[in-house]
């Protein structure tokens, strides 16, 4: 077994933290190459904080309402993450746009999961928009974070079919199942040193294309 130190991860949450729980479950395996060392939220009532405390992980609440601008709020988050020994950041339902300075400070050391097959359907209400457009394929993407919303090199994606009787809720539920699969997968690939960023592409060394693409049964 490798004795390499595990990647120390901080997770930013604003809500229920279901993707946080998927990462926590993956990190329970001693062989998983990353560990979550801190969880930070901008909302004191975020259920993700409860999940973190149940797992024995330190937490911080920093309300964006306590700061005059985005830059000062982000600077406070940055200090808290670094003080906790975080070396890599995962966004898990963190509902705040990040300043350019914060993103650049964590360049290629911060990832996000988004409920669409990027670069299609950036932003909010992706499930409703796919249904309104009559799309037949939907899914989710893990990507490195860049200053622009939902942009950055793609690491992993999962596709699900859009069924004729789908509602936004039923489609969202199936996409969420795949989010819980590919977020730990992407973090594992990065922590194992198998992902490198070249321009706006994330190249996965030593893996076939299917190693980063999940296509579940219909």
N, C-alpha and C. Protein backbone atom coordinates (compact mmCIF):
# COMPACT_ATOMS: atom_id res chain seq x y z
N UNK A 1 0.84 -1.19 0.00
CA UNK A 1 0.00 0.00 0.00
C UNK A 1 0.88 1.25 0.00
N UNK A 2 0.48 2.27 -0.76
CA UNK A 2 1.25 3.50 -0.83
C UNK A 2 1.24 4.23 0.50
N UNK A 3 2.39 4.82 0.84
CA UNK A 3 2.48 5.61 2.06
C UNK A 3 2.42 7.10 1.76
N UNK A 4 2.07 7.46 0.55
CA UNK A 4 1.97 8.87 0.18
C UNK A 4 0.90 9.55 1.02
N UNK A 5 1.14 10.79 1.45
CA UNK A 5 0.13 11.48 2.27
C UNK A 5 -1.14 11.72 1.48
N UNK A 6 -2.26 11.66 2.16
CA UNK A 6 -3.54 11.90 1.51
C UNK A 6 -3.73 13.39 1.27
N UNK A 7 -4.36 13.72 0.16
CA UNK A 7 -4.66 15.10 -0.18
C UNK A 7 -5.65 15.67 0.84
N UNK A 8 -5.33 16.81 1.42
CA UNK A 8 -6.18 17.41 2.45
C UNK A 8 -7.18 18.36 1.80
N UNK A 9 -8.45 18.01 1.93
CA UNK A 9 -9.51 18.66 1.18
C UNK A 9 -10.40 19.48 2.11
N UNK A 10 -10.75 20.68 1.66
CA UNK A 10 -11.79 21.47 2.29
C UNK A 10 -13.00 21.51 1.38
N UNK A 11 -14.19 21.43 1.97
CA UNK A 11 -15.42 21.43 1.18
C UNK A 11 -16.26 22.64 1.55
N UNK A 12 -16.74 23.35 0.54
CA UNK A 12 -17.61 24.51 0.73
C UNK A 12 -19.04 24.11 0.42
N UNK A 13 -19.94 24.38 1.37
CA UNK A 13 -21.35 24.00 1.21
C UNK A 13 -22.25 25.18 1.59
N UNK A 14 -23.47 25.14 1.05
CA UNK A 14 -24.48 26.12 1.45
C UNK A 14 -25.79 25.46 1.87
N UNK A 15 -25.92 24.15 1.62
CA UNK A 15 -27.21 23.51 1.86
C UNK A 15 -27.11 22.12 2.45
N UNK A 16 -27.84 21.19 1.82
CA UNK A 16 -28.04 19.86 2.41
C UNK A 16 -26.78 19.01 2.42
N UNK A 17 -25.88 19.24 1.49
CA UNK A 17 -24.60 18.54 1.52
C UNK A 17 -24.62 17.11 1.05
N UNK A 18 -25.49 16.77 0.09
CA UNK A 18 -25.53 15.37 -0.35
C UNK A 18 -24.25 14.98 -1.09
N UNK A 19 -23.67 15.89 -1.85
CA UNK A 19 -22.39 15.58 -2.49
C UNK A 19 -21.26 15.55 -1.47
N UNK A 20 -21.35 16.36 -0.44
CA UNK A 20 -20.40 16.26 0.66
C UNK A 20 -20.45 14.87 1.26
N UNK A 21 -21.66 14.34 1.48
CA UNK A 21 -21.78 13.00 2.06
C UNK A 21 -21.17 11.95 1.15
N UNK A 22 -21.33 12.10 -0.15
CA UNK A 22 -20.71 11.15 -1.09
C UNK A 22 -19.19 11.19 -0.96
N UNK A 23 -18.63 12.37 -0.80
CA UNK A 23 -17.18 12.49 -0.62
C UNK A 23 -16.76 11.92 0.73
N UNK A 24 -17.53 12.19 1.77
CA UNK A 24 -17.22 11.64 3.09
C UNK A 24 -17.22 10.11 3.06
N UNK A 25 -18.20 9.54 2.37
CA UNK A 25 -18.28 8.08 2.28
C UNK A 25 -17.05 7.52 1.57
N UNK A 26 -16.63 8.19 0.50
CA UNK A 26 -15.46 7.72 -0.24
C UNK A 26 -14.21 7.80 0.62
N UNK A 27 -14.10 8.87 1.40
CA UNK A 27 -12.90 9.09 2.20
C UNK A 27 -12.81 8.16 3.41
N UNK A 28 -13.89 7.44 3.73
CA UNK A 28 -13.83 6.47 4.82
C UNK A 28 -12.87 5.33 4.51
N UNK A 29 -12.66 5.08 3.24
CA UNK A 29 -11.74 4.03 2.82
C UNK A 29 -10.30 4.52 3.05
N UNK A 30 -9.53 3.85 3.89
CA UNK A 30 -8.15 4.30 4.14
C UNK A 30 -7.31 4.34 2.88
N UNK A 31 -7.69 3.59 1.86
CA UNK A 31 -6.93 3.58 0.61
C UNK A 31 -7.30 4.75 -0.30
N UNK A 32 -8.37 5.47 0.02
CA UNK A 32 -8.74 6.61 -0.81
C UNK A 32 -7.68 7.69 -0.64
N UNK A 33 -7.20 8.29 -1.74
CA UNK A 33 -6.02 9.15 -1.66
C UNK A 33 -6.28 10.57 -1.16
N UNK A 34 -7.48 10.85 -0.69
CA UNK A 34 -7.80 12.18 -0.17
C UNK A 34 -8.57 12.04 1.14
N UNK A 35 -8.52 13.09 1.96
CA UNK A 35 -9.30 13.14 3.18
C UNK A 35 -9.87 14.54 3.36
N UNK A 36 -11.09 14.61 3.86
CA UNK A 36 -11.71 15.90 4.13
C UNK A 36 -11.29 16.36 5.52
N UNK A 37 -10.67 17.52 5.60
CA UNK A 37 -10.16 18.02 6.87
C UNK A 37 -10.95 19.21 7.39
N UNK A 38 -11.79 19.81 6.54
CA UNK A 38 -12.55 20.98 6.99
C UNK A 38 -13.74 21.20 6.06
N UNK A 39 -14.84 21.67 6.66
CA UNK A 39 -16.04 22.03 5.90
C UNK A 39 -16.42 23.46 6.28
N UNK A 40 -16.64 24.29 5.28
CA UNK A 40 -16.96 25.70 5.50
C UNK A 40 -18.28 26.02 4.82
N UNK A 41 -19.10 26.81 5.51
CA UNK A 41 -20.37 27.21 4.93
C UNK A 41 -20.61 28.70 5.15
N UNK A 42 -21.35 29.29 4.23
CA UNK A 42 -21.79 30.67 4.41
C UNK A 42 -23.13 30.76 5.12
N UNK A 43 -23.70 29.60 5.46
CA UNK A 43 -24.99 29.56 6.14
C UNK A 43 -24.91 28.68 7.38
N UNK A 44 -25.27 29.25 8.52
CA UNK A 44 -25.16 28.52 9.78
C UNK A 44 -26.10 27.33 9.86
N UNK A 45 -27.20 27.36 9.09
CA UNK A 45 -28.17 26.27 9.14
C UNK A 45 -27.99 25.25 8.03
N UNK A 46 -26.88 25.32 7.31
CA UNK A 46 -26.63 24.34 6.24
C UNK A 46 -26.50 22.94 6.84
N UNK A 47 -27.25 21.99 6.31
CA UNK A 47 -27.20 20.64 6.87
C UNK A 47 -25.85 19.97 6.62
N UNK A 48 -25.12 20.47 5.64
CA UNK A 48 -23.78 19.94 5.42
C UNK A 48 -22.89 20.08 6.64
N UNK A 49 -23.12 21.11 7.46
CA UNK A 49 -22.34 21.27 8.69
C UNK A 49 -22.64 20.14 9.68
N UNK A 50 -23.90 19.72 9.71
CA UNK A 50 -24.28 18.60 10.58
C UNK A 50 -23.57 17.33 10.12
N UNK A 51 -23.56 17.09 8.83
CA UNK A 51 -22.89 15.90 8.30
C UNK A 51 -21.40 15.91 8.65
N UNK A 52 -20.79 17.08 8.55
CA UNK A 52 -19.37 17.19 8.87
C UNK A 52 -19.12 16.89 10.34
N UNK A 53 -19.93 17.46 11.21
CA UNK A 53 -19.74 17.25 12.64
C UNK A 53 -19.97 15.78 13.01
N UNK A 54 -20.94 15.15 12.36
CA UNK A 54 -21.18 13.73 12.61
C UNK A 54 -19.97 12.89 12.21
N UNK A 55 -19.22 13.37 11.23
CA UNK A 55 -18.02 12.66 10.77
C UNK A 55 -16.76 13.08 11.54
N UNK A 56 -16.92 13.98 12.50
CA UNK A 56 -15.78 14.41 13.30
C UNK A 56 -14.86 15.38 12.59
N UNK A 57 -15.41 16.13 11.65
CA UNK A 57 -14.61 17.06 10.85
C UNK A 57 -14.87 18.49 11.31
N UNK A 58 -13.83 19.28 11.42
CA UNK A 58 -13.97 20.66 11.87
C UNK A 58 -14.75 21.48 10.85
N UNK A 59 -15.46 22.49 11.35
CA UNK A 59 -16.29 23.32 10.49
C UNK A 59 -16.09 24.81 10.82
N UNK A 60 -16.42 25.62 9.84
CA UNK A 60 -16.42 27.07 10.02
C UNK A 60 -17.64 27.64 9.32
N UNK A 61 -18.28 28.61 9.96
CA UNK A 61 -19.36 29.36 9.34
C UNK A 61 -18.88 30.79 9.15
N UNK A 62 -18.90 31.26 7.91
CA UNK A 62 -18.56 32.65 7.60
C UNK A 62 -19.70 33.20 6.74
N UNK A 63 -20.50 34.07 7.30
CA UNK A 63 -21.64 34.60 6.57
C UNK A 63 -21.19 35.70 5.62
N UNK A 64 -21.61 35.58 4.38
CA UNK A 64 -21.28 36.61 3.41
C UNK A 64 -21.95 37.94 3.75
N UNK A 65 -22.99 37.88 4.58
CA UNK A 65 -23.71 39.10 4.95
C UNK A 65 -22.90 39.98 5.90
N UNK A 66 -21.84 39.41 6.47
CA UNK A 66 -21.01 40.17 7.41
C UNK A 66 -19.90 40.96 6.74
N UNK A 67 -19.87 40.94 5.41
CA UNK A 67 -18.77 41.57 4.69
C UNK A 67 -19.32 42.57 3.67
N UNK A 68 -18.57 43.64 3.42
CA UNK A 68 -19.06 44.68 2.51
C UNK A 68 -19.02 44.30 1.04
N UNK A 69 -18.19 43.30 0.70
CA UNK A 69 -18.09 42.94 -0.71
C UNK A 69 -17.61 41.49 -0.83
N UNK A 70 -17.67 40.99 -2.05
CA UNK A 70 -17.31 39.60 -2.32
C UNK A 70 -15.84 39.32 -2.01
N UNK A 71 -14.99 40.30 -2.32
CA UNK A 71 -13.56 40.08 -2.14
C UNK A 71 -13.19 39.90 -0.66
N UNK A 72 -13.78 40.69 0.22
CA UNK A 72 -13.44 40.57 1.64
C UNK A 72 -14.01 39.28 2.23
N UNK A 73 -15.18 38.88 1.78
CA UNK A 73 -15.75 37.59 2.21
C UNK A 73 -14.87 36.43 1.75
N UNK A 74 -14.46 36.47 0.50
CA UNK A 74 -13.61 35.40 -0.03
C UNK A 74 -12.26 35.36 0.68
N UNK A 75 -11.73 36.53 1.04
CA UNK A 75 -10.46 36.57 1.75
C UNK A 75 -10.58 35.90 3.11
N UNK A 76 -11.72 36.09 3.78
CA UNK A 76 -11.94 35.43 5.07
C UNK A 76 -12.03 33.92 4.90
N UNK A 77 -12.71 33.47 3.84
CA UNK A 77 -12.77 32.04 3.57
C UNK A 77 -11.38 31.48 3.29
N UNK A 78 -10.61 32.20 2.52
CA UNK A 78 -9.27 31.75 2.17
C UNK A 78 -8.42 31.57 3.43
N UNK A 79 -8.49 32.52 4.34
CA UNK A 79 -7.72 32.42 5.60
C UNK A 79 -8.15 31.21 6.40
N UNK A 80 -9.46 30.97 6.48
CA UNK A 80 -9.97 29.84 7.25
C UNK A 80 -9.53 28.51 6.65
N UNK A 81 -9.59 28.40 5.35
CA UNK A 81 -9.20 27.16 4.69
C UNK A 81 -7.71 26.87 4.89
N UNK A 82 -6.90 27.89 4.71
CA UNK A 82 -5.46 27.69 4.85
C UNK A 82 -5.08 27.40 6.31
N UNK A 83 -5.77 28.04 7.25
CA UNK A 83 -5.50 27.79 8.67
C UNK A 83 -5.85 26.36 9.05
N UNK A 84 -6.81 25.77 8.34
CA UNK A 84 -7.22 24.38 8.61
C UNK A 84 -6.33 23.37 7.91
N UNK A 85 -5.34 23.84 7.18
CA UNK A 85 -4.43 22.92 6.50
C UNK A 85 -4.96 22.38 5.19
N UNK A 86 -5.94 23.05 4.61
CA UNK A 86 -6.54 22.60 3.35
C UNK A 86 -5.58 22.85 2.19
N UNK A 87 -5.45 21.85 1.33
CA UNK A 87 -4.61 21.97 0.15
C UNK A 87 -5.38 21.89 -1.15
N UNK A 88 -6.68 21.57 -1.03
CA UNK A 88 -7.52 21.40 -2.22
C UNK A 88 -8.95 21.66 -1.80
N UNK A 89 -9.74 22.28 -2.70
CA UNK A 89 -11.10 22.69 -2.35
C UNK A 89 -12.11 22.02 -3.28
N UNK A 90 -13.19 21.51 -2.69
CA UNK A 90 -14.32 20.98 -3.45
C UNK A 90 -15.54 21.84 -3.13
N UNK A 91 -16.21 22.32 -4.16
CA UNK A 91 -17.47 23.03 -4.00
C UNK A 91 -18.60 22.00 -4.08
N UNK A 92 -19.45 22.00 -3.07
CA UNK A 92 -20.55 21.02 -3.03
C UNK A 92 -21.84 21.75 -2.70
N UNK A 93 -22.42 22.35 -3.73
CA UNK A 93 -23.63 23.12 -3.51
C UNK A 93 -23.35 24.42 -2.79
N UNK A 94 -22.22 25.05 -3.09
CA UNK A 94 -21.88 26.34 -2.50
C UNK A 94 -22.46 27.42 -3.40
N UNK A 95 -23.48 28.12 -2.89
CA UNK A 95 -24.29 28.99 -3.74
C UNK A 95 -23.82 30.44 -3.70
N UNK A 96 -22.53 30.61 -3.93
CA UNK A 96 -21.98 31.95 -4.03
C UNK A 96 -21.00 32.00 -5.20
N UNK A 97 -21.08 33.07 -5.99
CA UNK A 97 -20.07 33.28 -7.01
C UNK A 97 -18.77 33.70 -6.34
N UNK A 98 -17.67 33.19 -6.83
CA UNK A 98 -16.37 33.44 -6.21
C UNK A 98 -15.63 34.54 -6.96
N UNK A 99 -14.86 35.33 -6.22
CA UNK A 99 -14.10 36.42 -6.83
C UNK A 99 -12.94 35.85 -7.63
N UNK A 100 -12.49 36.64 -8.58
CA UNK A 100 -11.38 36.21 -9.43
C UNK A 100 -10.12 35.95 -8.61
N UNK A 101 -9.89 36.78 -7.60
CA UNK A 101 -8.70 36.59 -6.77
C UNK A 101 -8.72 35.29 -6.01
N UNK A 102 -9.89 34.92 -5.47
CA UNK A 102 -10.01 33.65 -4.74
C UNK A 102 -9.78 32.48 -5.68
N UNK A 103 -10.40 32.53 -6.84
CA UNK A 103 -10.25 31.43 -7.81
C UNK A 103 -8.79 31.30 -8.24
N UNK A 104 -8.14 32.40 -8.50
CA UNK A 104 -6.75 32.34 -8.92
C UNK A 104 -5.85 31.83 -7.80
N UNK A 105 -6.21 32.13 -6.56
CA UNK A 105 -5.43 31.64 -5.43
C UNK A 105 -5.49 30.13 -5.28
N UNK A 106 -6.55 29.53 -5.80
CA UNK A 106 -6.70 28.06 -5.75
C UNK A 106 -6.69 27.46 -7.16
N UNK A 107 -5.98 28.11 -8.05
CA UNK A 107 -5.93 27.67 -9.45
C UNK A 107 -5.55 26.20 -9.56
N UNK A 108 -6.41 25.44 -10.25
CA UNK A 108 -6.21 24.00 -10.47
C UNK A 108 -6.16 23.21 -9.17
N UNK A 109 -6.63 23.81 -8.09
CA UNK A 109 -6.76 23.12 -6.80
C UNK A 109 -8.17 23.30 -6.24
N UNK A 110 -9.12 23.54 -7.14
CA UNK A 110 -10.52 23.70 -6.73
C UNK A 110 -11.42 23.16 -7.83
N UNK A 111 -12.38 22.31 -7.44
CA UNK A 111 -13.29 21.71 -8.40
C UNK A 111 -14.73 21.92 -7.96
N UNK A 112 -15.62 21.79 -8.94
CA UNK A 112 -17.05 21.98 -8.71
C UNK A 112 -17.81 20.89 -9.45
N UNK A 113 -19.01 20.59 -8.95
CA UNK A 113 -19.89 19.68 -9.67
C UNK A 113 -21.14 20.45 -10.08
N UNK A 114 -21.53 20.26 -11.34
CA UNK A 114 -22.64 21.03 -11.91
C UNK A 114 -23.64 20.07 -12.56
N UNK A 115 -24.94 20.31 -12.36
CA UNK A 115 -25.96 19.38 -12.89
C UNK A 115 -26.33 19.63 -14.34
N UNK A 116 -25.35 19.48 -15.21
CA UNK A 116 -25.61 19.45 -16.66
C UNK A 116 -24.37 18.89 -17.34
N UNK A 117 -24.51 18.59 -18.60
CA UNK A 117 -23.37 18.16 -19.40
C UNK A 117 -22.72 19.42 -19.98
N UNK A 118 -21.86 20.02 -19.19
CA UNK A 118 -21.17 21.23 -19.64
C UNK A 118 -20.40 20.95 -20.94
N UNK A 119 -20.29 21.95 -21.81
CA UNK A 119 -20.60 23.37 -21.61
C UNK A 119 -22.06 23.76 -21.83
N UNK A 120 -22.95 22.80 -21.98
CA UNK A 120 -24.37 23.13 -22.12
C UNK A 120 -24.99 23.41 -20.76
N UNK A 121 -25.94 24.31 -20.73
CA UNK A 121 -26.76 24.61 -19.55
C UNK A 121 -25.94 25.01 -18.33
N UNK A 122 -25.18 26.07 -18.51
CA UNK A 122 -24.52 26.68 -17.35
C UNK A 122 -25.58 27.41 -16.52
N UNK A 123 -25.27 27.63 -15.25
CA UNK A 123 -26.17 28.39 -14.41
C UNK A 123 -27.23 27.54 -13.73
N UNK A 124 -28.35 28.17 -13.38
CA UNK A 124 -29.38 27.55 -12.56
C UNK A 124 -30.48 26.90 -13.40
N UNK A 125 -31.33 26.11 -12.72
CA UNK A 125 -32.54 25.51 -13.31
C UNK A 125 -32.22 24.66 -14.54
N UNK A 126 -31.17 23.89 -14.45
CA UNK A 126 -30.74 23.11 -15.62
C UNK A 126 -31.76 22.06 -16.02
N UNK A 127 -32.40 21.42 -15.06
CA UNK A 127 -33.33 20.33 -15.38
C UNK A 127 -34.56 20.88 -16.11
N UNK A 128 -35.08 21.99 -15.61
CA UNK A 128 -36.23 22.61 -16.26
C UNK A 128 -35.88 23.05 -17.68
N UNK A 129 -34.70 23.57 -17.86
CA UNK A 129 -34.29 24.06 -19.18
C UNK A 129 -34.11 22.92 -20.19
N UNK A 130 -33.55 21.80 -19.73
CA UNK A 130 -33.41 20.65 -20.62
C UNK A 130 -34.78 20.15 -21.06
N UNK A 131 -35.70 20.05 -20.12
CA UNK A 131 -37.04 19.58 -20.46
C UNK A 131 -37.73 20.56 -21.42
N UNK A 132 -37.58 21.84 -21.16
CA UNK A 132 -38.22 22.84 -22.03
C UNK A 132 -37.67 22.79 -23.44
N UNK A 133 -36.40 22.42 -23.58
CA UNK A 133 -35.77 22.35 -24.90
C UNK A 133 -36.01 21.02 -25.60
N UNK A 134 -36.64 20.08 -24.90
CA UNK A 134 -36.88 18.77 -25.50
C UNK A 134 -35.64 17.91 -25.61
N UNK A 135 -34.66 18.15 -24.76
CA UNK A 135 -33.42 17.37 -24.79
C UNK A 135 -33.65 15.91 -24.47
N UNK A 136 -32.83 15.05 -25.05
CA UNK A 136 -32.93 13.61 -24.81
C UNK A 136 -31.82 13.08 -23.91
N UNK A 137 -30.83 13.92 -23.64
CA UNK A 137 -29.71 13.50 -22.80
C UNK A 137 -29.36 14.63 -21.84
N UNK A 138 -29.15 14.26 -20.60
CA UNK A 138 -28.82 15.22 -19.55
C UNK A 138 -27.72 14.60 -18.70
N UNK A 139 -27.29 15.28 -17.65
CA UNK A 139 -26.26 14.67 -16.81
C UNK A 139 -25.61 15.67 -15.90
N UNK A 140 -24.35 15.38 -15.55
CA UNK A 140 -23.62 16.21 -14.61
C UNK A 140 -22.14 16.21 -14.98
N UNK A 141 -21.43 17.22 -14.48
CA UNK A 141 -20.02 17.41 -14.84
C UNK A 141 -19.23 17.85 -13.62
N UNK A 142 -18.00 17.35 -13.51
CA UNK A 142 -17.04 17.85 -12.53
C UNK A 142 -15.96 18.59 -13.30
N UNK A 143 -15.66 19.80 -12.84
CA UNK A 143 -14.70 20.62 -13.58
C UNK A 143 -13.84 21.44 -12.62
N UNK A 144 -12.66 21.80 -13.08
CA UNK A 144 -11.85 22.76 -12.36
C UNK A 144 -12.53 24.12 -12.43
N UNK A 145 -12.43 24.89 -11.36
CA UNK A 145 -13.13 26.17 -11.28
C UNK A 145 -12.31 27.27 -11.94
N UNK A 146 -13.01 28.11 -12.69
CA UNK A 146 -12.46 29.30 -13.28
C UNK A 146 -13.33 30.50 -12.88
N UNK A 147 -12.84 31.72 -13.06
CA UNK A 147 -13.62 32.88 -12.60
C UNK A 147 -15.02 32.97 -13.20
N UNK A 148 -15.18 32.61 -14.47
CA UNK A 148 -16.51 32.65 -15.08
C UNK A 148 -17.36 31.49 -14.56
N UNK A 149 -18.65 31.72 -14.43
CA UNK A 149 -19.55 30.73 -13.84
C UNK A 149 -19.59 29.44 -14.68
N UNK A 150 -19.38 28.31 -13.99
CA UNK A 150 -19.51 26.97 -14.60
C UNK A 150 -18.60 26.78 -15.80
N UNK A 151 -17.44 27.38 -15.75
CA UNK A 151 -16.43 27.17 -16.77
C UNK A 151 -15.19 26.55 -16.15
N UNK A 152 -14.37 25.92 -16.99
CA UNK A 152 -13.14 25.31 -16.54
C UNK A 152 -12.97 23.93 -17.11
N UNK A 153 -11.75 23.40 -17.10
CA UNK A 153 -11.48 22.09 -17.69
C UNK A 153 -12.33 20.99 -17.07
N UNK A 154 -12.92 20.17 -17.93
CA UNK A 154 -13.80 19.08 -17.48
C UNK A 154 -12.98 17.86 -17.08
N UNK A 155 -13.33 17.29 -15.93
CA UNK A 155 -12.61 16.12 -15.40
C UNK A 155 -13.42 14.85 -15.61
N UNK A 156 -14.71 14.90 -15.32
CA UNK A 156 -15.57 13.72 -15.45
C UNK A 156 -16.99 14.16 -15.72
N UNK A 157 -17.72 13.33 -16.46
CA UNK A 157 -19.13 13.59 -16.72
C UNK A 157 -19.91 12.29 -16.64
N UNK A 158 -21.20 12.43 -16.34
CA UNK A 158 -22.11 11.28 -16.37
C UNK A 158 -23.36 11.69 -17.11
N UNK A 159 -23.85 10.80 -17.97
CA UNK A 159 -25.03 11.09 -18.77
C UNK A 159 -26.21 10.23 -18.34
N UNK A 160 -27.40 10.82 -18.37
CA UNK A 160 -28.63 10.08 -18.10
C UNK A 160 -29.63 10.41 -19.22
N UNK A 161 -30.47 9.47 -19.59
CA UNK A 161 -31.49 9.77 -20.60
C UNK A 161 -32.60 10.62 -20.00
N UNK A 162 -33.19 11.45 -20.83
CA UNK A 162 -34.39 12.19 -20.44
C UNK A 162 -35.59 11.36 -20.87
N UNK A 163 -36.39 10.94 -19.91
CA UNK A 163 -37.53 10.07 -20.21
C UNK A 163 -38.76 10.89 -20.59
N UNK A 164 -39.67 10.27 -21.34
CA UNK A 164 -40.84 11.00 -21.83
C UNK A 164 -41.71 11.52 -20.70
N UNK A 165 -41.75 10.81 -19.57
CA UNK A 165 -42.62 11.24 -18.46
C UNK A 165 -41.85 11.97 -17.36
N UNK A 166 -40.63 12.40 -17.66
CA UNK A 166 -39.83 13.08 -16.65
C UNK A 166 -40.43 14.42 -16.25
N UNK A 167 -40.31 14.72 -14.97
CA UNK A 167 -40.50 16.06 -14.44
C UNK A 167 -39.12 16.59 -14.05
N UNK A 168 -39.06 17.86 -13.71
CA UNK A 168 -37.78 18.40 -13.27
C UNK A 168 -37.28 17.66 -12.03
N UNK A 169 -38.19 17.29 -11.14
CA UNK A 169 -37.78 16.61 -9.92
C UNK A 169 -37.28 15.20 -10.19
N UNK A 170 -37.97 14.46 -11.05
CA UNK A 170 -37.55 13.08 -11.32
C UNK A 170 -36.22 13.07 -12.06
N UNK A 171 -36.05 14.01 -12.98
CA UNK A 171 -34.79 14.10 -13.71
C UNK A 171 -33.66 14.51 -12.78
N UNK A 172 -33.93 15.46 -11.90
CA UNK A 172 -32.92 15.91 -10.95
C UNK A 172 -32.47 14.78 -10.04
N UNK A 173 -33.41 13.92 -9.64
CA UNK A 173 -33.07 12.82 -8.74
C UNK A 173 -32.12 11.83 -9.41
N UNK A 174 -32.34 11.53 -10.69
CA UNK A 174 -31.47 10.60 -11.39
C UNK A 174 -30.10 11.22 -11.65
N UNK A 175 -30.09 12.51 -11.96
CA UNK A 175 -28.80 13.19 -12.14
C UNK A 175 -28.02 13.20 -10.82
N UNK A 176 -28.71 13.44 -9.72
CA UNK A 176 -28.02 13.50 -8.43
C UNK A 176 -27.36 12.17 -8.09
N UNK A 177 -27.99 11.06 -8.44
CA UNK A 177 -27.36 9.75 -8.23
C UNK A 177 -26.01 9.68 -8.92
N UNK A 178 -25.94 10.23 -10.11
CA UNK A 178 -24.68 10.20 -10.86
C UNK A 178 -23.67 11.21 -10.31
N UNK A 179 -24.15 12.32 -9.78
CA UNK A 179 -23.24 13.26 -9.13
C UNK A 179 -22.49 12.56 -8.00
N UNK A 180 -23.22 11.74 -7.24
CA UNK A 180 -22.62 11.04 -6.11
C UNK A 180 -21.61 10.00 -6.56
N UNK A 181 -21.69 9.58 -7.81
CA UNK A 181 -20.72 8.62 -8.35
C UNK A 181 -19.47 9.32 -8.88
N UNK A 182 -19.67 10.42 -9.63
CA UNK A 182 -18.51 10.97 -10.33
C UNK A 182 -17.71 11.98 -9.51
N UNK A 183 -18.31 12.55 -8.46
CA UNK A 183 -17.51 13.50 -7.68
C UNK A 183 -16.38 12.79 -6.95
N UNK A 184 -16.65 11.68 -6.23
CA UNK A 184 -15.53 10.95 -5.65
C UNK A 184 -14.55 10.41 -6.69
N UNK A 185 -15.07 10.00 -7.86
CA UNK A 185 -14.20 9.52 -8.93
C UNK A 185 -13.23 10.61 -9.35
N UNK A 186 -13.74 11.81 -9.58
CA UNK A 186 -12.88 12.91 -10.02
C UNK A 186 -11.85 13.25 -8.96
N UNK A 187 -12.27 13.29 -7.70
CA UNK A 187 -11.32 13.61 -6.63
C UNK A 187 -10.24 12.54 -6.52
N UNK A 188 -10.63 11.29 -6.69
CA UNK A 188 -9.64 10.21 -6.65
C UNK A 188 -8.61 10.36 -7.77
N UNK A 189 -9.08 10.63 -8.98
CA UNK A 189 -8.17 10.79 -10.10
C UNK A 189 -7.17 11.92 -9.84
N UNK A 190 -7.66 13.02 -9.31
CA UNK A 190 -6.78 14.17 -9.03
C UNK A 190 -5.80 13.82 -7.93
N UNK A 191 -6.29 13.26 -6.84
CA UNK A 191 -5.43 12.96 -5.70
C UNK A 191 -4.39 11.90 -6.05
N UNK A 192 -4.70 11.03 -6.99
CA UNK A 192 -3.74 10.02 -7.45
C UNK A 192 -2.73 10.59 -8.45
N UNK A 193 -2.88 11.86 -8.77
CA UNK A 193 -1.96 12.50 -9.71
C UNK A 193 -2.18 12.11 -11.15
N UNK A 194 -3.39 11.68 -11.48
CA UNK A 194 -3.68 11.22 -12.84
C UNK A 194 -4.30 12.29 -13.74
N UNK A 195 -4.51 13.48 -13.19
CA UNK A 195 -5.13 14.55 -13.96
C UNK A 195 -4.15 15.72 -14.09
N UNK A 196 -3.97 16.18 -15.31
CA UNK A 196 -3.14 17.37 -15.53
C UNK A 196 -3.89 18.32 -16.45
N UNK A 197 -3.73 19.59 -16.17
CA UNK A 197 -4.42 20.62 -16.93
C UNK A 197 -3.50 21.17 -18.01
N UNK A 198 -3.98 21.13 -19.24
CA UNK A 198 -3.25 21.68 -20.38
C UNK A 198 -4.19 22.64 -21.09
N UNK A 199 -3.92 23.92 -20.98
CA UNK A 199 -4.83 24.90 -21.54
C UNK A 199 -6.17 24.82 -20.84
N UNK A 200 -7.23 24.62 -21.60
CA UNK A 200 -8.56 24.49 -21.02
C UNK A 200 -9.04 23.04 -21.02
N UNK A 201 -8.09 22.11 -21.04
CA UNK A 201 -8.45 20.70 -21.00
C UNK A 201 -7.82 20.02 -19.79
N UNK A 202 -8.56 19.10 -19.20
CA UNK A 202 -8.02 18.26 -18.13
C UNK A 202 -7.76 16.89 -18.73
N UNK A 203 -6.50 16.52 -18.81
CA UNK A 203 -6.11 15.24 -19.39
C UNK A 203 -5.92 14.22 -18.29
N UNK A 204 -6.49 13.04 -18.51
CA UNK A 204 -6.45 11.98 -17.50
C UNK A 204 -5.42 10.95 -17.92
N UNK A 205 -4.27 10.96 -17.28
CA UNK A 205 -3.17 10.07 -17.64
C UNK A 205 -3.44 8.64 -17.21
N UNK A 206 -3.14 7.72 -18.10
CA UNK A 206 -3.21 6.31 -17.75
C UNK A 206 -4.60 5.76 -17.62
N UNK A 207 -5.61 6.50 -18.09
CA UNK A 207 -6.99 6.04 -17.99
C UNK A 207 -7.63 6.10 -19.37
N UNK A 208 -8.50 5.16 -19.64
CA UNK A 208 -9.27 5.23 -20.86
C UNK A 208 -10.36 6.27 -20.70
N UNK A 209 -10.97 6.66 -21.80
CA UNK A 209 -12.04 7.65 -21.74
C UNK A 209 -13.17 7.18 -20.84
N UNK A 210 -13.46 5.86 -20.87
CA UNK A 210 -14.56 5.34 -20.07
C UNK A 210 -14.25 5.44 -18.58
N UNK A 211 -13.00 5.62 -18.22
CA UNK A 211 -12.66 5.74 -16.80
C UNK A 211 -13.16 7.02 -16.19
N UNK A 212 -13.51 8.02 -17.02
CA UNK A 212 -13.99 9.28 -16.49
C UNK A 212 -15.38 9.61 -17.00
N UNK A 213 -16.03 8.65 -17.63
CA UNK A 213 -17.39 8.87 -18.14
C UNK A 213 -18.27 7.75 -17.62
N UNK A 214 -19.36 8.12 -16.98
CA UNK A 214 -20.30 7.16 -16.44
C UNK A 214 -21.59 7.25 -17.24
N UNK A 215 -22.00 6.17 -17.84
CA UNK A 215 -23.27 6.14 -18.57
C UNK A 215 -24.13 5.05 -17.95
N UNK A 216 -25.04 5.41 -17.07
CA UNK A 216 -25.84 4.38 -16.39
C UNK A 216 -26.86 3.75 -17.31
N UNK A 217 -27.39 2.63 -16.87
CA UNK A 217 -28.47 1.99 -17.63
C UNK A 217 -29.69 2.89 -17.65
N UNK A 218 -30.41 2.87 -18.75
CA UNK A 218 -31.64 3.69 -18.85
C UNK A 218 -32.69 3.17 -17.89
